[in-house]
Protein backbone atom coordinates (compact mmCIF):
# COMPACT_ATOMS: atom_id res chain seq x y z
CA MET A 1 24.84 6.15 -70.89
CA ARG A 2 26.10 6.59 -74.43
CA ALA A 3 27.29 10.12 -73.63
CA HIS A 4 29.04 9.01 -70.44
CA VAL A 5 30.70 6.04 -72.12
CA GLY A 6 31.71 8.32 -74.98
CA VAL A 7 33.46 10.76 -72.68
CA VAL A 8 35.33 7.95 -70.95
CA THR A 9 36.31 6.06 -74.10
CA ASP A 10 37.21 9.11 -76.20
CA ASP A 11 40.16 9.83 -73.90
CA ILE A 12 40.67 6.85 -71.62
CA GLU A 13 43.89 8.21 -70.07
CA ARG A 14 42.29 11.51 -69.12
CA ALA A 15 39.19 9.74 -67.80
CA SER A 16 41.36 7.45 -65.70
CA VAL A 17 43.15 10.38 -64.12
CA PHE A 18 39.83 12.08 -63.41
CA VAL A 19 38.21 8.97 -61.91
CA HIS A 20 41.19 8.15 -59.70
CA GLU A 21 43.04 11.39 -59.01
CA TRP A 22 40.51 14.23 -58.67
CA ARG A 23 40.69 14.00 -54.88
CA SER A 24 44.36 15.01 -55.05
CA LEU A 25 43.57 18.45 -56.43
CA ASP A 26 43.69 21.59 -54.31
CA ARG A 27 40.65 22.02 -52.08
CA GLY A 28 38.91 24.67 -54.19
CA ARG A 29 39.14 22.69 -57.40
CA ARG A 30 38.27 19.44 -55.63
CA ASP A 31 35.17 21.03 -54.07
CA ASP A 32 34.08 22.39 -57.46
CA ILE A 33 34.44 18.97 -59.08
CA ALA A 34 32.61 17.30 -56.19
CA ARG A 35 29.68 19.73 -56.61
CA ARG A 36 29.53 19.05 -60.34
CA ARG A 37 29.81 15.28 -59.76
CA ASP A 38 27.01 15.41 -57.19
CA ALA A 39 24.76 17.36 -59.57
CA TYR A 40 25.48 14.86 -62.35
CA GLU A 41 24.76 11.92 -60.06
CA ALA A 42 21.52 13.62 -58.94
CA ARG A 43 20.28 13.41 -62.54
CA PHE A 44 20.63 9.63 -62.38
CA ARG A 45 18.97 9.47 -58.94
CA ASP A 46 16.09 11.64 -60.17
CA ALA A 47 15.55 9.47 -63.25
CA ILE A 48 15.54 6.36 -61.07
CA SER A 49 13.15 7.94 -58.56
CA SER A 50 10.83 8.97 -61.39
CA GLY A 51 10.86 5.42 -62.75
CA VAL A 52 10.00 4.02 -59.32
CA GLU A 53 7.20 6.57 -58.82
CA ALA A 54 5.77 5.77 -62.27
CA GLY A 55 5.79 2.06 -61.52
CA ALA A 56 8.22 1.31 -64.34
CA PHE A 57 10.99 0.38 -61.90
CA VAL A 58 10.90 -1.81 -58.83
CA ALA A 59 11.32 -0.06 -55.48
CA VAL A 60 15.09 0.35 -55.51
CA ASP A 61 17.14 2.83 -53.53
CA PRO A 62 17.94 5.64 -56.00
CA VAL A 63 21.22 6.55 -54.28
CA ALA A 64 22.59 3.00 -54.28
CA THR A 65 21.32 2.30 -57.79
CA ALA A 66 22.84 5.48 -59.22
CA ALA A 67 26.14 4.67 -57.50
CA TYR A 68 26.04 1.15 -58.98
CA ILE A 69 25.44 2.43 -62.51
CA LEU A 70 28.03 5.20 -62.33
CA SER A 71 30.59 2.87 -60.79
CA ALA A 72 30.10 0.47 -63.68
CA LEU A 73 30.43 3.28 -66.21
CA ASN A 74 33.53 4.73 -64.58
CA GLY A 75 35.00 1.25 -64.22
CA LEU A 76 35.60 1.30 -67.95
CA VAL A 77 38.88 3.09 -67.26
CA ALA A 78 40.21 -0.19 -65.86
CA TRP A 79 39.52 -2.41 -68.85
CA TYR A 80 38.40 -0.55 -71.97
CA ARG A 81 40.81 -0.60 -74.91
CA PRO A 82 40.13 1.36 -78.10
CA ASP A 83 41.41 -1.57 -80.17
CA GLY A 84 39.45 -4.11 -78.13
CA ARG A 85 36.59 -6.37 -79.13
CA LEU A 86 33.84 -4.01 -77.91
CA ASN A 87 33.30 -0.50 -79.19
CA ALA A 88 31.91 2.33 -77.06
CA ARG A 89 28.36 2.16 -78.43
CA THR A 90 28.13 -1.60 -77.87
CA ILE A 91 29.33 -1.18 -74.29
CA ALA A 92 26.92 1.69 -73.60
CA ASP A 93 23.98 -0.25 -75.00
CA ALA A 94 24.91 -3.36 -73.01
CA TYR A 95 25.27 -1.35 -69.80
CA ALA A 96 21.95 0.38 -70.41
CA ASP A 97 20.25 -2.96 -71.06
CA LEU A 98 21.75 -4.55 -67.94
CA SER A 99 20.86 -1.55 -65.78
CA LEU A 100 17.29 -1.40 -67.05
CA ARG A 101 16.79 -5.13 -66.57
CA ALA A 102 17.98 -4.75 -62.98
CA VAL A 103 15.35 -2.16 -62.11
CA GLN A 104 12.39 -2.77 -64.43
CA ALA A 105 9.13 -3.66 -62.74
CA GLY A 106 8.24 -7.26 -63.38
CA SER A 107 11.88 -8.26 -63.89
CA ARG A 108 12.09 -10.05 -60.53
CA SER A 109 10.32 -13.20 -59.42
């Protein structure tokens, strides 16, 4: 999460264009980016699946959970400000904590 937040916050304008405008690229470039995005998202899904299989995470849907986490991370382009109250590391740590609390076994009644 720190690496992802870092990429977004290091160049918020570029990240915003990528998050919102990649679908407007020519088909070849768009397909390449979609493949890379899918492979990146698969890493999150695999980590979530491994956590469920190990009993560390509750039985969540890895696809929906990965989409939730990545949507939150990419949502930074809408509100993050370099001169704002929260720095990138604080945000990444808070997002990681929130995400882990949402899926950790024993975290639900």
